[in-house]
Protein backbone atom coordinates (compact mmCIF):
# COMPACT_ATOMS: atom_id res chain seq x y z
CA UNK A 1 0.01 0.16 -0.02
CA UNK A 2 1.24 3.55 -1.23
CA UNK A 3 -0.28 6.44 -0.27
CA UNK A 4 -0.13 9.56 -2.27
CA UNK A 5 -0.23 13.09 -1.23
CA UNK A 6 -2.90 14.85 -2.11
CA UNK A 7 -2.13 18.36 -1.18
CA UNK A 8 0.95 19.90 -0.42
CA UNK A 9 1.45 23.31 -0.04
CA UNK A 10 -2.30 24.81 -1.09
CA UNK A 11 -2.96 25.74 2.78
CA UNK A 12 -0.83 28.50 4.54
CA UNK A 13 0.01 30.07 1.40
CA UNK A 14 1.62 33.34 3.25
CA UNK A 15 3.31 36.38 1.80
CA UNK A 16 5.59 37.17 4.21
CA UNK A 17 6.19 40.96 5.39
CA UNK A 18 8.96 42.30 7.94
CA UNK A 19 7.19 42.59 10.79
CA UNK A 20 8.47 46.34 11.21
CA UNK A 21 8.14 46.85 7.39
CA UNK A 22 12.14 47.86 7.59
CA UNK A 23 12.56 47.53 3.61
CA UNK A 24 10.09 49.98 1.63
CA UNK A 25 10.30 47.85 -1.37
CA UNK A 26 9.31 44.90 -0.04
CA UNK A 27 6.56 46.58 1.91
CA UNK A 28 5.17 48.56 -1.38
CA UNK A 29 5.27 45.23 -3.05
CA UNK A 30 3.12 43.59 -0.95
CA UNK A 31 0.89 46.79 -0.96
CA UNK A 32 0.74 46.30 -4.76
CA UNK A 33 -0.19 42.78 -4.29
CA UNK A 34 -2.94 43.58 -2.25
CA UNK A 35 -4.07 45.75 -4.88
CA UNK A 36 -3.94 43.28 -7.26
CA UNK A 37 -1.35 44.50 -9.47
CA UNK A 38 0.58 41.47 -9.31
CA UNK A 39 3.41 42.59 -11.76
CA UNK A 40 3.96 45.91 -9.78
CA UNK A 41 5.00 43.25 -7.21
CA UNK A 42 7.16 41.38 -8.70
CA UNK A 43 9.04 43.89 -10.17
CA UNK A 44 9.52 45.82 -6.50
CA UNK A 45 10.53 42.21 -4.97
CA UNK A 46 12.92 41.69 -7.90
CA UNK A 47 15.50 44.07 -6.99
CA UNK A 48 15.61 43.43 -3.41
CA UNK A 49 15.31 39.47 -4.11
CA UNK A 50 18.56 39.64 -6.05
CA UNK A 51 20.29 42.19 -3.28
CA UNK A 52 19.82 39.18 -0.73
CA UNK A 53 16.61 39.98 1.00
CA UNK A 54 15.17 37.10 2.04
CA UNK A 55 11.36 38.19 2.81
CA UNK A 56 11.35 39.84 -0.91
CA UNK A 57 13.30 35.94 -1.98
CA UNK A 58 10.21 34.32 -0.55
CA UNK A 59 7.98 36.52 -2.36
CA UNK A 60 9.10 36.10 -5.25
CA UNK A 61 9.05 32.47 -4.89
CA UNK A 62 4.98 32.86 -3.49
CA UNK A 63 4.87 34.68 -7.36
CA UNK A 64 6.24 32.08 -9.20
CA UNK A 65 4.71 29.54 -7.31
CA UNK A 66 1.12 30.72 -7.91
CA UNK A 67 1.59 32.44 -11.27
CA UNK A 68 0.67 35.99 -9.87
CA UNK A 69 2.76 38.73 -12.03
CA UNK A 70 4.83 36.14 -13.62
CA UNK A 71 4.12 33.02 -15.59
CA UNK A 72 3.89 29.77 -13.08
CA UNK A 73 7.09 28.15 -13.10
CA UNK A 74 7.80 25.64 -10.00
CA UNK A 75 11.66 25.13 -10.78
CA UNK A 76 12.15 29.30 -10.26
CA UNK A 77 10.08 28.90 -7.19
CA UNK A 78 12.26 26.37 -5.32
CA UNK A 79 15.09 28.54 -6.40
CA UNK A 80 13.96 31.42 -4.95
CA UNK A 81 12.67 29.97 -1.76
CA UNK A 82 15.74 27.91 -1.32
CA UNK A 83 17.81 31.24 -1.34
CA UNK A 84 15.48 32.62 1.14
CA UNK A 85 15.81 29.25 3.38
CA UNK A 86 19.41 29.18 3.19
CA UNK A 87 19.38 32.78 5.54
CA UNK A 88 16.92 30.86 8.20
CA UNK A 89 13.40 32.53 6.81
CA UNK A 90 10.92 30.14 8.58
CA UNK A 91 8.28 30.01 5.81
CA UNK A 92 10.71 29.59 3.53
CA UNK A 93 12.43 26.63 4.83
CA UNK A 94 8.95 24.85 4.73
CA UNK A 95 7.81 26.09 1.41
CA UNK A 96 11.26 24.76 -0.06
CA UNK A 97 11.39 21.21 1.50
CA UNK A 98 7.63 21.15 -0.11
CA UNK A 99 9.06 22.07 -3.55
CA UNK A 100 11.91 19.78 -3.35
CA UNK A 101 9.54 17.32 -2.62
CA UNK A 102 6.53 18.08 -5.46
CA UNK A 103 9.87 18.33 -8.11
CA UNK A 104 11.09 14.84 -7.18
CA UNK A 105 13.63 15.76 -5.02
CA UNK A 106 12.65 13.94 -1.50
CA UNK A 107 16.22 13.01 -0.01
CA UNK A 108 16.78 16.92 -0.14
CA UNK A 109 13.54 17.48 0.85
CA UNK A 110 13.93 15.55 3.75
CA UNK A 111 15.93 17.85 6.00
CA UNK A 112 14.02 21.64 5.31
CA UNK A 113 10.57 19.39 6.00
CA UNK A 114 11.85 18.33 9.61
CA UNK A 115 13.03 21.64 10.68
CA UNK A 116 9.73 22.69 9.58
CA UNK A 117 8.14 19.69 11.71
CA UNK A 118 9.81 21.40 14.35
CA UNK A 119 8.80 24.56 14.40
CA UNK A 120 4.83 22.53 14.04
CA UNK A 121 4.31 23.00 9.87
CA UNK A 122 0.94 20.95 9.52
CA UNK A 123 1.53 21.01 5.60
CA UNK A 124 5.37 19.49 6.40
CA UNK A 125 4.08 16.92 9.17
CA UNK A 126 2.02 15.76 6.44
CA UNK A 127 3.87 15.29 3.62
CA UNK A 128 6.90 13.93 5.77
CA UNK A 129 4.37 11.90 7.35
CA UNK A 130 3.54 10.13 3.80
CA UNK A 131 6.98 9.58 3.55
CA UNK A 132 7.89 8.01 6.55
CA UNK A 133 4.82 5.55 5.77
CA UNK A 134 5.88 4.50 2.22
CA UNK A 135 9.79 4.54 3.13
CA UNK A 136 10.04 7.24 0.04
CA UNK A 137 13.17 9.41 0.14
CA UNK A 138 13.34 8.30 4.49
CA UNK A 139 13.23 5.02 6.12
CA UNK A 140 10.20 3.77 6.84
CA UNK A 141 8.49 4.67 10.11
CA UNK A 142 5.00 4.00 10.61
CA UNK A 143 4.50 4.99 13.91
CA UNK A 144 6.30 8.61 13.47
CA UNK A 145 4.09 8.48 10.30
CA UNK A 146 0.73 7.84 12.11
CA UNK A 147 2.03 10.69 14.78
CA UNK A 148 2.55 13.50 12.50
CA UNK A 149 -0.72 12.74 10.40
CA UNK A 150 -2.22 12.41 13.17
CA UNK A 151 -0.57 16.59 14.18
CA UNK A 152 -1.54 17.41 10.88
CA UNK A 153 -4.81 16.39 11.04
CA UNK A 154 -5.68 17.82 14.39
CA UNK A 155 -4.06 21.00 12.71
CA UNK A 156 -7.56 21.08 9.95
CA UNK A 157 -5.47 19.92 6.96
CA UNK A 158 -8.60 18.05 5.34
CA UNK A 159 -5.76 15.79 3.13
CA UNK A 160 -4.19 14.99 6.75
CA UNK A 161 -7.80 13.43 8.10
CA UNK A 162 -8.50 11.82 4.65
CA UNK A 163 -4.48 9.87 5.11
CA UNK A 164 -5.48 9.23 8.41
CA UNK A 165 -8.51 7.48 7.47
CA UNK A 166 -6.46 5.19 5.24
CA UNK A 167 -3.61 4.52 7.15
CA UNK A 168 -6.08 3.21 9.74
CA UNK A 169 -6.49 0.42 7.69
CA UNK A 170 -2.73 -0.43 7.54
CA UNK A 171 -1.51 0.37 10.46
CA UNK A 172 -1.31 -2.31 13.22
CA UNK A 173 -3.47 -0.96 16.40
CA UNK A 174 -0.34 -1.74 18.38
CA UNK A 175 1.47 1.08 16.03
CA UNK A 176 -1.88 3.41 15.95
CA UNK A 177 -1.45 3.28 19.90
CA UNK A 178 2.01 4.30 20.20
CA UNK A 179 1.88 6.75 17.05
CA UNK A 180 -1.29 8.53 19.02
CA UNK A 181 0.96 8.34 22.09
CA UNK A 182 3.62 10.11 20.35
CA UNK A 183 1.34 12.66 18.94
CA UNK A 184 0.35 13.45 22.70
CA UNK A 185 4.53 13.68 23.42
CA UNK A 186 4.92 16.42 20.17
CA UNK A 187 1.90 18.34 21.38
CA UNK A 188 4.03 18.41 24.37
CA UNK A 189 7.09 19.17 23.52
CA UNK A 190 5.10 22.40 21.32
CA UNK A 191 3.69 23.77 24.21
CA UNK A 192 7.13 23.67 26.04
CA UNK A 193 8.14 26.43 23.53
CA UNK A 194 10.80 25.82 20.55
CA UNK A 195 13.34 23.28 20.43
CA UNK A 196 16.80 23.02 18.37
CA UNK A 197 15.89 22.19 15.13
CA UNK A 198 18.08 19.82 12.93
CA UNK A 199 20.66 20.99 10.72
CA UNK A 200 20.86 21.42 7.12
CA UNK A 201 24.05 21.09 5.41
CA UNK A 202 24.13 24.33 3.50
CA UNK A 203 26.45 25.17 0.35
CA UNK A 204 28.64 27.88 0.62
CA UNK A 205 26.79 30.09 -2.10
CA UNK A 206 23.61 30.10 -3.04
CA UNK A 207 23.61 28.59 -6.70
CA UNK A 208 22.81 31.65 -8.79
CA UNK A 209 18.87 31.89 -9.79
CA UNK A 210 18.47 31.72 -13.74
CA UNK A 211 16.91 34.07 -15.86
CA UNK A 212 13.42 34.23 -15.77
CA UNK A 213 11.48 33.50 -18.82
CA UNK A 214 9.33 36.48 -20.43
CA UNK A 215 6.22 37.97 -18.58
CA UNK A 216 3.31 36.11 -19.65
CA UNK A 217 0.44 38.60 -21.37
CA UNK A 218 -1.81 37.71 -18.56
CA UNK A 219 -1.32 35.40 -15.23
CA UNK A 220 -2.61 31.78 -15.59
CA UNK A 221 -5.21 31.39 -13.31
CA UNK A 222 -5.37 29.31 -10.21
CA UNK A 223 -7.53 27.62 -8.50
CA UNK A 224 -9.20 29.50 -5.28
CA UNK A 225 -7.83 26.46 -3.22
CA UNK A 226 -4.58 28.23 -3.94
CA UNK A 227 -4.60 31.19 -3.71
CA UNK A 228 -2.79 32.93 -1.31
CA UNK A 229 -4.06 35.31 1.89
CA UNK A 230 -1.20 38.29 2.17
CA UNK A 231 -1.21 39.36 5.45
CA UNK A 232 -1.32 43.15 5.84
CA UNK A 233 1.62 44.93 5.62
CA UNK A 234 3.51 45.34 8.54
CA UNK A 235 1.73 42.51 10.55
CA UNK A 236 4.20 39.95 11.66
CA UNK A 237 3.06 36.34 10.12
CA UNK A 238 1.74 33.74 12.89
CA UNK A 239 4.72 30.75 13.87
CA UNK A 240 3.31 28.94 15.80
CA UNK A 241 0.17 27.43 17.78
CA UNK A 242 -1.03 28.60 21.11
CA UNK A 243 0.58 26.41 23.91
CA UNK A 244 -1.01 23.27 24.88
CA UNK A 245 -4.00 23.25 28.12
CA UNK A 246 -2.65 21.52 31.01
CA UNK A 247 -2.98 17.73 31.54
CA UNK A 248 -4.40 17.03 34.80
CA UNK A 249 -4.82 12.95 33.33
CA UNK A 250 -8.71 13.74 32.70
CA UNK A 251 -10.37 13.35 29.22
CA UNK A 252 -14.35 13.29 28.37
CA UNK A 253 -15.55 10.05 26.28
CA UNK A 254 -18.43 11.45 23.79
CA UNK A 255 -19.65 7.95 22.91
CA UNK A 256 -18.31 4.48 21.62
CA UNK A 257 -18.42 3.73 17.88
CA UNK A 258 -18.57 0.14 15.91
CA UNK A 259 -17.51 2.20 13.14
CA UNK A 260 -14.51 4.16 13.77
CA UNK A 261 -15.61 6.50 11.05
CA UNK A 262 -18.59 7.27 13.28
CA UNK A 263 -16.32 8.80 15.82
CA UNK A 264 -13.99 10.84 13.37
CA UNK A 265 -17.66 12.50 12.29
CA UNK A 266 -18.70 13.34 15.83
CA UNK A 267 -15.34 14.70 16.22
CA UNK A 268 -15.73 16.95 12.81
CA UNK A 269 -19.22 18.28 14.70
CA UNK A 270 -18.23 19.04 18.25
CA UNK A 271 -14.89 20.09 17.48
CA UNK A 272 -15.54 23.57 17.72
CA UNK A 273 -16.80 23.39 21.25
CA UNK A 274 -13.53 21.99 22.84
CA UNK A 275 -11.06 24.99 21.93
CA UNK A 276 -6.88 23.97 21.90
CA UNK A 277 -7.80 20.03 22.87
CA UNK A 278 -7.56 17.20 20.68
CA UNK A 279 -9.32 13.95 20.07
CA UNK A 280 -8.49 10.43 21.45
CA UNK A 281 -9.63 7.16 19.26
CA UNK A 282 -9.39 4.66 21.54
CA UNK A 283 -10.02 0.58 20.26
CA UNK A 284 -11.65 -1.44 23.08
CA UNK A 285 -12.27 -5.30 21.47
CA UNK A 286 -14.34 -4.29 18.47
CA UNK A 287 -15.24 -0.73 19.59
CA UNK A 288 -13.68 2.57 19.44
CA UNK A 289 -13.79 5.43 21.59
CA UNK A 290 -13.52 8.97 21.13
CA UNK A 291 -12.11 10.83 24.07
CA UNK A 292 -11.49 14.75 24.57
CA UNK A 293 -8.92 16.54 26.55
CA UNK A 294 -6.31 17.08 27.92
CA UNK A 295 -8.35 18.76 30.79
CA UNK A 296 -6.42 19.82 34.68
CA UNK A 297 -9.01 18.02 36.26
CA UNK A 298 -12.36 16.47 36.94
CA UNK A 299 -14.07 19.21 37.49
CA UNK A 300 -12.87 21.78 34.42
CA UNK A 301 -13.54 17.90 32.25
CA UNK A 302 -17.35 17.88 33.74
CA UNK A 303 -17.59 21.71 32.93
CA UNK A 304 -17.05 20.98 29.54
CA UNK A 305 -19.27 18.29 29.17
CA UNK A 306 -22.02 20.94 29.66
CA UNK A 307 -21.07 21.55 25.85
CA UNK A 308 -22.07 18.31 24.64
CA UNK A 309 -24.10 15.46 25.34
CA UNK A 310 -23.87 12.37 26.16
CA UNK A 311 -20.48 13.42 27.83
CA UNK A 312 -18.65 11.67 30.57
CA UNK A 313 -15.34 12.71 32.58
CA UNK A 314 -13.23 9.85 32.61
CA UNK A 315 -9.38 9.59 34.43
CA UNK A 316 -6.75 8.96 31.80
């Protein structure tokens, strides 16, 4: 069984803007982009990108990825992402790894995806999970693959939720349980703040970006699902989720189902009532229990049960 990624970089495609608008050309380019003047945006960014501005390089990579003001060119996008990533640009590191993956360069993508995963990037978690499940560009590891896919699914990535349902058919129960436990440890690690990132072997100099092709008379239209959501000028890009709630050993049980799919569908309906919590799908014989948590105390779990019925506090 081999899973094929249904989504790589459609989610979270944001334009990078310096938090304090330190570069006027980058800021002006974003303002032009927001007006829909993509060619003017690219013109603003190109000079700054060539001069070494990482935000401009990342934005230029986005322009080539999405065909905004220039023809779609995934090779050019990869090159600009790479130049920004080598300067430590966080979003560029994630998008560079995803671009390398899309372009079939899986072993090269691995260290960049690992860095993005360490920062909590759901797209990277999903793609690395697929790689580890398939043994494609990385050694096969179903426990970690399952854990990463769980984390991406919990972040709201629909493709990860679908991949998780496929994995449930092939990953043994023991490995799924280990994966769930690993996912919880990952969540706890995230709540403790930034951790050291895995190193990437960098070349002394980035390869020069090849000459861009002539401009098309009009940018190629892209599906709505891949359109970026530009961040207003001067507003920093969010980089990590909020701290996880305290785990006092309590969960709430919302039901037990003969069909695990029904447990997942119920969570999809009630997830909005449990902000900051996560689902746990616990197999007991032929039944799948849907637990939600963590909660710091029995009283906290009981209070949460007031949001949905049936609901029972249970100790872990």
